[in-house]
Amino acid sequence: MICQHLKDAADPAPQTPFEQGCPQCVEGGFTDWVHLRLCLNCGLVACCDSSPRRHMSKHWEQEGHPVMRSFEPGESWRWCFEDDVIG
């Protein structure tokens, strides 16, 4: 079953290109992010939970934007933080 957040999620233009990596990590002088994610509410690009600083999870905690998707080339899966479900 897919949650309503996943059903309603848009696919906004990314705020930064994939090649620039995680903007928050880069700003802090880090290059050790693992994978990138895209917030489907605002288009923020940030690193995943396998990355040391987990910027996408922090974005959800601070902003309450429930759905993100993989921003890795060739991947399109989505995740709802609020309902803890993949779609």
PDB file of N, CA and C in Angstrom:
ATOM      1  N   MET A   1       0.839  -1.180   0.000  1.00  0.00           N
ATOM      2  CA  MET A   1       0.000   0.000   0.000  1.00  0.00           C
ATOM      3  C   MET A   1       0.893   1.256   0.000  1.00  0.00           C
ATOM      4  N   ILE A   2       0.567   2.198  -0.848  1.00  0.00           N
ATOM      5  CA  ILE A   2       1.319   3.446  -0.930  1.00  0.00           C
ATOM      6  C   ILE A   2       0.614   4.493  -0.087  1.00  0.00           C
ATOM      7  N   CYS A   3       1.382   5.235   0.695  1.00  0.00           N
ATOM      8  CA  CYS A   3       0.791   6.260   1.547  1.00  0.00           C
ATOM      9  C   CYS A   3       0.360   7.476   0.714  1.00  0.00           C
ATOM     10  N   GLN A   4      -0.480   8.298   1.287  1.00  0.00           N
ATOM     11  CA  GLN A   4      -0.984   9.479   0.594  1.00  0.00           C
ATOM     12  C   GLN A   4       0.127  10.475   0.287  1.00  0.00           C
ATOM     13  N   HIS A   5       1.123  10.561   1.160  1.00  0.00           N
ATOM     14  CA  HIS A   5       2.246  11.469   0.892  1.00  0.00           C
ATOM     15  C   HIS A   5       2.960  11.099  -0.406  1.00  0.00           C
ATOM     16  N   LEU A   6       3.174   9.795  -0.603  1.00  0.00           N
ATOM     17  CA  LEU A   6       3.829   9.338  -1.827  1.00  0.00           C
ATOM     18  C   LEU A   6       2.949   9.600  -3.044  1.00  0.00           C
ATOM     19  N   LYS A   7       1.649   9.388  -2.904  1.00  0.00           N
ATOM     20  CA  LYS A   7       0.724   9.634  -4.016  1.00  0.00           C
ATOM     21  C   LYS A   7       0.700  11.105  -4.404  1.00  0.00           C
ATOM     22  N   ASP A   8       0.765  11.981  -3.421  1.00  0.00           N
ATOM     23  CA  ASP A   8       0.646  13.419  -3.668  1.00  0.00           C
ATOM     24  C   ASP A   8       1.962  14.106  -4.023  1.00  0.00           C
ATOM     25  N   ALA A   9       3.086  13.424  -3.862  1.00  0.00           N
ATOM     26  CA  ALA A   9       4.403  14.050  -4.039  1.00  0.00           C
ATOM     27  C   ALA A   9       4.623  14.491  -5.483  1.00  0.00           C
ATOM     28  N   ALA A  10       5.126  15.694  -5.630  1.00  0.00           N
ATOM     29  CA  ALA A  10       5.494  16.232  -6.939  1.00  0.00           C
ATOM     30  C   ALA A  10       6.927  15.813  -7.243  1.00  0.00           C
ATOM     31  N   ASP A  11       7.459  16.287  -8.325  1.00  0.00           N
ATOM     32  CA  ASP A  11       8.863  16.024  -8.658  1.00  0.00           C
ATOM     33  C   ASP A  11       9.478  17.352  -9.080  1.00  0.00           C
ATOM     34  N   PRO A  12       9.824  18.200  -8.101  1.00  0.00           N
ATOM     35  CA  PRO A  12      10.326  19.537  -8.407  1.00  0.00           C
ATOM     36  C   PRO A  12      11.716  19.516  -9.037  1.00  0.00           C
ATOM     37  N   ALA A  13      12.056  20.608  -9.664  1.00  0.00           N
ATOM     38  CA  ALA A  13      13.405  20.752 -10.204  1.00  0.00           C
ATOM     39  C   ALA A  13      14.393  20.801  -9.042  1.00  0.00           C
ATOM     40  N   PRO A  14      15.500  20.090  -9.156  1.00  0.00           N
ATOM     41  CA  PRO A  14      16.515  20.123  -8.094  1.00  0.00           C
ATOM     42  C   PRO A  14      17.110  21.515  -7.939  1.00  0.00           C
ATOM     43  N   GLN A  15      17.408  21.895  -6.710  1.00  0.00           N
ATOM     44  CA  GLN A  15      18.032  23.190  -6.442  1.00  0.00           C
ATOM     45  C   GLN A  15      19.488  23.209  -6.888  1.00  0.00           C
ATOM     46  N   THR A  16      20.133  22.040  -6.949  1.00  0.00           N
ATOM     47  CA  THR A  16      21.522  21.938  -7.402  1.00  0.00           C
ATOM     48  C   THR A  16      21.662  20.695  -8.268  1.00  0.00           C
ATOM     49  N   PRO A  17      22.603  20.686  -9.213  1.00  0.00           N
ATOM     50  CA  PRO A  17      22.827  19.508 -10.047  1.00  0.00           C
ATOM     51  C   PRO A  17      23.503  18.375  -9.274  1.00  0.00           C
ATOM     52  N   PHE A  18      23.302  17.167  -9.734  1.00  0.00           N
ATOM     53  CA  PHE A  18      23.889  15.983  -9.106  1.00  0.00           C
ATOM     54  C   PHE A  18      25.404  16.113  -8.965  1.00  0.00           C
ATOM     55  N   GLU A  19      26.046  16.632  -9.995  1.00  0.00           N
ATOM     56  CA  GLU A  19      27.508  16.695 -10.027  1.00  0.00           C
ATOM     57  C   GLU A  19      28.100  17.548  -8.907  1.00  0.00           C
ATOM     58  N   GLN A  20      27.312  18.433  -8.323  1.00  0.00           N
ATOM     59  CA  GLN A  20      27.826  19.284  -7.251  1.00  0.00           C
ATOM     60  C   GLN A  20      27.780  18.597  -5.890  1.00  0.00           C
ATOM     61  N   GLY A  21      27.210  17.402  -5.827  1.00  0.00           N
ATOM     62  CA  GLY A  21      27.173  16.652  -4.576  1.00  0.00           C
ATOM     63  C   GLY A  21      26.199  17.241  -3.572  1.00  0.00           C
ATOM     64  N   CYS A  22      26.411  16.924  -2.317  1.00  0.00           N
ATOM     65  CA  CYS A  22      25.562  17.426  -1.236  1.00  0.00           C
ATOM     66  C   CYS A  22      26.001  18.853  -0.895  1.00  0.00           C
ATOM     67  N   PRO A  23      25.170  19.854  -1.174  1.00  0.00           N
ATOM     68  CA  PRO A  23      25.565  21.242  -0.936  1.00  0.00           C
ATOM     69  C   PRO A  23      25.949  21.534   0.510  1.00  0.00           C
ATOM     70  N   GLN A  24      25.250  20.920   1.469  1.00  0.00           N
ATOM     71  CA  GLN A  24      25.563  21.165   2.873  1.00  0.00           C
ATOM     72  C   GLN A  24      26.926  20.589   3.242  1.00  0.00           C
ATOM     73  N   CYS A  25      27.243  19.405   2.716  1.00  0.00           N
ATOM     74  CA  CYS A  25      28.562  18.811   2.963  1.00  0.00           C
ATOM     75  C   CYS A  25      29.653  19.672   2.335  1.00  0.00           C
ATOM     76  N   VAL A  26      29.450  20.066   1.083  1.00  0.00           N
ATOM     77  CA  VAL A  26      30.438  20.881   0.379  1.00  0.00           C
ATOM     78  C   VAL A  26      30.687  22.179   1.140  1.00  0.00           C
ATOM     79  N   GLU A  27      29.603  22.802   1.600  1.00  0.00           N
ATOM     80  CA  GLU A  27      29.721  24.052   2.367  1.00  0.00           C
ATOM     81  C   GLU A  27      30.556  23.852   3.631  1.00  0.00           C
ATOM     82  N   GLY A  28      30.442  22.673   4.231  1.00  0.00           N
ATOM     83  CA  GLY A  28      31.204  22.379   5.445  1.00  0.00           C
ATOM     84  C   GLY A  28      32.599  21.832   5.178  1.00  0.00           C
ATOM     85  N   GLY A  29      32.964  21.707   3.894  1.00  0.00           N
ATOM     86  CA  GLY A  29      34.291  21.218   3.544  1.00  0.00           C
ATOM     87  C   GLY A  29      34.401  19.702   3.476  1.00  0.00           C
ATOM     88  N   PHE A  30      33.265  19.000   3.402  1.00  0.00           N
ATOM     89  CA  PHE A  30      33.259  17.539   3.371  1.00  0.00           C
ATOM     90  C   PHE A  30      32.979  17.013   1.964  1.00  0.00           C
ATOM     91  N   THR A  31      33.552  15.877   1.647  1.00  0.00           N
ATOM     92  CA  THR A  31      33.306  15.226   0.358  1.00  0.00           C
ATOM     93  C   THR A  31      32.946  13.756   0.536  1.00  0.00           C
ATOM     94  N   ASP A  32      32.551  13.362   1.731  1.00  0.00           N
ATOM     95  CA  ASP A  32      32.339  11.945   2.031  1.00  0.00           C
ATOM     96  C   ASP A  32      30.877  11.510   2.050  1.00  0.00           C
ATOM     97  N   TRP A  33      29.995  12.227   1.340  1.00  0.00           N
ATOM     98  CA  TRP A  33      28.610  11.764   1.257  1.00  0.00           C
ATOM     99  C   TRP A  33      28.586  10.480   0.444  1.00  0.00           C
ATOM    100  N   VAL A  34      27.547   9.658   0.653  1.00  0.00           N
ATOM    101  CA  VAL A  34      27.453   8.360  -0.012  1.00  0.00           C
ATOM    102  C   VAL A  34      26.512   8.436  -1.210  1.00  0.00           C
ATOM    103  N   HIS A  35      25.257   8.829  -0.976  1.00  0.00           N
ATOM    104  CA  HIS A  35      24.265   8.944  -2.048  1.00  0.00           C
ATOM    105  C   HIS A  35      23.501  10.251  -1.844  1.00  0.00           C
ATOM    106  N   LEU A  36      22.915  10.730  -2.926  1.00  0.00           N
ATOM    107  CA  LEU A  36      22.145  11.978  -2.850  1.00  0.00           C
ATOM    108  C   LEU A  36      20.658  11.694  -2.939  1.00  0.00           C
ATOM    109  N   ARG A  37      19.885  12.555  -2.285  1.00  0.00           N
ATOM    110  CA  ARG A  37      18.427  12.481  -2.268  1.00  0.00           C
ATOM    111  C   ARG A  37      17.852  13.839  -2.660  1.00  0.00           C
ATOM    112  N   LEU A  38      16.620  13.822  -3.178  1.00  0.00           N
ATOM    113  CA  LEU A  38      15.925  15.030  -3.607  1.00  0.00           C
ATOM    114  C   LEU A  38      14.626  15.165  -2.828  1.00  0.00           C
ATOM    115  N   CYS A  39      14.435  16.276  -2.135  1.00  0.00           N
ATOM    116  CA  CYS A  39      13.179  16.530  -1.431  1.00  0.00           C
ATOM    117  C   CYS A  39      12.102  16.816  -2.466  1.00  0.00           C
ATOM    118  N   LEU A  40      10.998  16.079  -2.407  1.00  0.00           N
ATOM    119  CA  LEU A  40       9.937  16.248  -3.388  1.00  0.00           C
ATOM    120  C   LEU A  40       8.969  17.361  -3.026  1.00  0.00           C
ATOM    121  N   ASN A  41       9.254  18.081  -1.976  1.00  0.00           N
ATOM    122  CA  ASN A  41       8.462  19.257  -1.651  1.00  0.00           C
ATOM    123  C   ASN A  41       9.139  20.521  -2.177  1.00  0.00           C
ATOM    124  N   CYS A  42      10.435  20.653  -1.910  1.00  0.00           N
ATOM    125  CA  CYS A  42      11.111  21.916  -2.228  1.00  0.00           C
ATOM    126  C   CYS A  42      12.281  21.786  -3.202  1.00  0.00           C
ATOM    127  N   GLY A  43      12.686  20.566  -3.546  1.00  0.00           N
ATOM    128  CA  GLY A  43      13.795  20.384  -4.486  1.00  0.00           C
ATOM    129  C   GLY A  43      15.178  20.406  -3.872  1.00  0.00           C
ATOM    130  N   LEU A  44      15.268  20.447  -2.539  1.00  0.00           N
ATOM    131  CA  LEU A  44      16.570  20.418  -1.882  1.00  0.00           C
ATOM    132  C   LEU A  44      17.293  19.117  -2.215  1.00  0.00           C
ATOM    133  N   VAL A  45      18.565  19.205  -2.535  1.00  0.00           N
ATOM    134  CA  VAL A  45      19.412  18.032  -2.734  1.00  0.00           C
ATOM    135  C   VAL A  45      20.271  17.889  -1.481  1.00  0.00           C
ATOM    136  N   ALA A  46      20.317  16.674  -0.926  1.00  0.00           N
ATOM    137  CA  ALA A  46      21.074  16.435   0.308  1.00  0.00           C
ATOM    138  C   ALA A  46      21.505  14.977   0.361  1.00  0.00           C
ATOM    139  N   CYS A  47      22.407  14.673   1.276  1.00  0.00           N
ATOM    140  CA  CYS A  47      22.949  13.321   1.387  1.00  0.00           C
ATOM    141  C   CYS A  47      22.024  12.390   2.170  1.00  0.00           C
ATOM    142  N   CYS A  48      22.234  11.094   1.944  1.00  0.00           N
ATOM    143  CA  CYS A  48      21.389  10.043   2.514  1.00  0.00           C
ATOM    144  C   CYS A  48      21.797   9.663   3.939  1.00  0.00           C
ATOM    145  N   ASP A  49      21.059   8.736   4.520  1.00  0.00           N
ATOM    146  CA  ASP A  49      21.338   8.280   5.883  1.00  0.00           C
ATOM    147  C   ASP A  49      22.591   7.417   5.996  1.00  0.00           C
ATOM    148  N   SER A  50      23.123   6.927   4.889  1.00  0.00           N
ATOM    149  CA  SER A  50      24.393   6.204   4.929  1.00  0.00           C
ATOM    150  C   SER A  50      25.574   7.161   4.959  1.00  0.00           C
ATOM    151  N   SER A  51      25.301   8.429   4.727  1.00  0.00           N
ATOM    152  CA  SER A  51      26.333   9.469   4.778  1.00  0.00           C
ATOM    153  C   SER A  51      26.509   9.929   6.215  1.00  0.00           C
ATOM    154  N   PRO A  52      27.703  10.375   6.583  1.00  0.00           N
ATOM    155  CA  PRO A  52      27.961  10.746   7.974  1.00  0.00           C
ATOM    156  C   PRO A  52      27.041  11.833   8.545  1.00  0.00           C
ATOM    157  N   ARG A  53      26.659  12.804   7.750  1.00  0.00           N
ATOM    158  CA  ARG A  53      25.872  13.925   8.285  1.00  0.00           C
ATOM    159  C   ARG A  53      24.371  13.822   8.035  1.00  0.00           C
ATOM    160  N   ARG A  54      23.919  12.889   7.225  1.00  0.00           N
ATOM    161  CA  ARG A  54      22.486  12.578   7.028  1.00  0.00           C
ATOM    162  C   ARG A  54      21.641  13.842   6.793  1.00  0.00           C
ATOM    163  N   HIS A  55      22.052  14.657   5.848  1.00  0.00           N
ATOM    164  CA  HIS A  55      21.387  15.945   5.652  1.00  0.00           C
ATOM    165  C   HIS A  55      19.925  15.852   5.207  1.00  0.00           C
ATOM    166  N   MET A  56      19.547  14.820   4.441  1.00  0.00           N
ATOM    167  CA  MET A  56      18.133  14.740   4.030  1.00  0.00           C
ATOM    168  C   MET A  56      17.246  14.418   5.224  1.00  0.00           C
ATOM    169  N   SER A  57      17.669  13.535   6.104  1.00  0.00           N
ATOM    170  CA  SER A  57      16.877  13.251   7.309  1.00  0.00           C
ATOM    171  C   SER A  57      16.775  14.488   8.189  1.00  0.00           C
ATOM    172  N   LYS A  58      17.860  15.240   8.300  1.00  0.00           N
ATOM    173  CA  LYS A  58      17.821  16.479   9.082  1.00  0.00           C
ATOM    174  C   LYS A  58      16.865  17.486   8.456  1.00  0.00           C
ATOM    175  N   HIS A  59      16.831  17.518   7.123  1.00  0.00           N
ATOM    176  CA  HIS A  59      15.899  18.414   6.420  1.00  0.00           C
ATOM    177  C   HIS A  59      14.460  18.035   6.774  1.00  0.00           C
ATOM    178  N   TRP A  60      14.150  16.757   6.762  1.00  0.00           N
ATOM    179  CA  TRP A  60      12.801  16.318   7.116  1.00  0.00           C
ATOM    180  C   TRP A  60      12.468  16.702   8.563  1.00  0.00           C
ATOM    181  N   GLU A  61      13.399  16.480   9.468  1.00  0.00           N
ATOM    182  CA  GLU A  61      13.168  16.821  10.878  1.00  0.00           C
ATOM    183  C   GLU A  61      12.938  18.319  11.074  1.00  0.00           C
ATOM    184  N   GLN A  62      13.661  19.140  10.328  1.00  0.00           N
ATOM    185  CA  GLN A  62      13.548  20.596  10.488  1.00  0.00           C
ATOM    186  C   GLN A  62      12.372  21.191   9.722  1.00  0.00           C
ATOM    187  N   GLU A  63      12.117  20.693   8.519  1.00  0.00           N
ATOM    188  CA  GLU A  63      11.110  21.297   7.645  1.00  0.00           C
ATOM    189  C   GLU A  63       9.795  20.534   7.576  1.00  0.00           C
ATOM    190  N   GLY A  64       9.816  19.250   7.922  1.00  0.00           N
ATOM    191  CA  GLY A  64       8.598  18.452   7.880  1.00  0.00           C
ATOM    192  C   GLY A  64       8.184  18.034   6.478  1.00  0.00           C
ATOM    193  N   HIS A  65       9.084  18.122   5.505  1.00  0.00           N
ATOM    194  CA  HIS A  65       8.776  17.673   4.142  1.00  0.00           C
ATOM    195  C   HIS A  65       8.900  16.148   4.121  1.00  0.00           C
ATOM    196  N   PRO A  66       7.785  15.424   3.960  1.00  0.00           N
ATOM    197  CA  PRO A  66       7.789  13.990   4.213  1.00  0.00           C
ATOM    198  C   PRO A  66       8.401  13.089   3.143  1.00  0.00           C
ATOM    199  N   VAL A  67       8.444  13.518   1.876  1.00  0.00           N
ATOM    200  CA  VAL A  67       8.837  12.596   0.813  1.00  0.00           C
ATOM    201  C   VAL A  67      10.098  13.058   0.091  1.00  0.00           C
ATOM    202  N   MET A  68      10.993  12.108  -0.115  1.00  0.00           N
ATOM    203  CA  MET A  68      12.190  12.350  -0.917  1.00  0.00           C
ATOM    204  C   MET A  68      12.305  11.206  -1.908  1.00  0.00           C
ATOM    205  N   ARG A  69      13.148  11.419  -2.909  1.00  0.00           N
ATOM    206  CA  ARG A  69      13.456  10.330  -3.831  1.00  0.00           C
ATOM    207  C   ARG A  69      14.957  10.253  -4.014  1.00  0.00           C
ATOM    208  N   SER A  70      15.398   9.117  -4.526  1.00  0.00           N
ATOM    209  CA  SER A  70      16.810   8.976  -4.842  1.00  0.00           C
ATOM    210  C   SER A  70      17.158   9.984  -5.925  1.00  0.00           C
ATOM    211  N   PHE A  71      18.308  10.613  -5.796  1.00  0.00           N
ATOM    212  CA  PHE A  71      18.803  11.545  -6.805  1.00  0.00           C
ATOM    213  C   PHE A  71      20.006  10.928  -7.520  1.00  0.00           C
ATOM    214  N   GLU A  72      20.146   9.612  -7.374  1.00  0.00           N
ATOM    215  CA  GLU A  72      21.223   8.892  -8.042  1.00  0.00           C
ATOM    216  C   GLU A  72      20.813   8.594  -9.485  1.00  0.00           C
ATOM    217  N   PRO A  73      21.751   8.686 -10.432  1.00  0.00           N
ATOM    218  CA  PRO A  73      21.428   8.390 -11.834  1.00  0.00           C
ATOM    219  C   PRO A  73      20.820   6.993 -11.987  1.00  0.00           C
ATOM    220  N   GLY A  74      19.713   6.923 -12.725  1.00  0.00           N
ATOM    221  CA  GLY A  74      19.051   5.655 -12.992  1.00  0.00           C
ATOM    222  C   GLY A  74      18.128   5.158 -11.898  1.00  0.00           C
ATOM    223  N   GLU A  75      17.997   5.899 -10.795  1.00  0.00           N
ATOM    224  CA  GLU A  75      17.113   5.489  -9.695  1.00  0.00           C
ATOM    225  C   GLU A  75      15.945   6.471  -9.567  1.00  0.00           C
ATOM    226  N   SER A  76      14.762   5.945  -9.258  1.00  0.00           N
ATOM    227  CA  SER A  76      13.591   6.816  -9.108  1.00  0.00           C
ATOM    228  C   SER A  76      12.728   6.462  -7.899  1.00  0.00           C
ATOM    229  N   TRP A  77      13.203   5.569  -7.027  1.00  0.00           N
ATOM    230  CA  TRP A  77      12.388   5.172  -5.881  1.00  0.00           C
ATOM    231  C   TRP A  77      12.202   6.357  -4.933  1.00  0.00           C
ATOM    232  N   ARG A  78      11.116   6.304  -4.187  1.00  0.00           N
ATOM    233  CA  ARG A  78      10.746   7.372  -3.249  1.00  0.00           C
ATOM    234  C   ARG A  78      10.625   6.812  -1.849  1.00  0.00           C
ATOM    235  N   TRP A  79      10.764   7.696  -0.858  1.00  0.00           N
ATOM    236  CA  TRP A  79      10.652   7.303   0.539  1.00  0.00           C
ATOM    237  C   TRP A  79       9.834   8.341   1.278  1.00  0.00           C
ATOM    238  N   CYS A  80       8.877   7.871   2.091  1.00  0.00           N
ATOM    239  CA  CYS A  80       8.106   8.756   2.960  1.00  0.00           C
ATOM    240  C   CYS A  80       8.641   8.610   4.376  1.00  0.00           C
ATOM    241  N   PHE A  81       9.230   9.671   4.894  1.00  0.00           N
ATOM    242  CA  PHE A  81       9.759   9.660   6.256  1.00  0.00           C
ATOM    243  C   PHE A  81       8.634   9.514   7.275  1.00  0.00           C
ATOM    244  N   GLU A  82       7.541  10.205   7.035  1.00  0.00           N
ATOM    245  CA  GLU A  82       6.458  10.215   8.015  1.00  0.00           C
ATOM    246  C   GLU A  82       5.814   8.847   8.194  1.00  0.00           C
ATOM    247  N   ASP A  83       5.572   8.139   7.089  1.00  0.00           N
ATOM    248  CA  ASP A  83       4.916   6.838   7.170  1.00  0.00           C
ATOM    249  C   ASP A  83       5.894   5.665   7.108  1.00  0.00           C
ATOM    250  N   ASP A  84       7.210   5.972   6.966  1.00  0.00           N
ATOM    251  CA  ASP A  84       8.237   4.949   6.975  1.00  0.00           C
ATOM    252  C   ASP A  84       7.972   3.885   5.904  1.00  0.00           C
ATOM    253  N   VAL A  85       7.744   4.351   4.666  1.00  0.00           N
ATOM    254  CA  VAL A  85       7.391   3.437   3.571  1.00  0.00           C
ATOM    255  C   VAL A  85       8.069   3.889   2.278  1.00  0.00           C
ATOM    256  N   ILE A  86       8.441   2.891   1.481  1.00  0.00           N
ATOM    257  CA  ILE A  86       9.050   3.144   0.180  1.00  0.00           C
ATOM    258  C   ILE A  86       7.973   3.039  -0.900  1.00  0.00           C
ATOM    259  N   GLY A  87       8.140   3.790  -1.957  1.00  0.00           N
ATOM    260  CA  GLY A  87       7.146   3.742  -3.034  1.00  0.00           C
ATOM    261  C   GLY A  87       7.764   4.003  -4.376  1.00  0.00           C
TER     262      GLY A  87
END
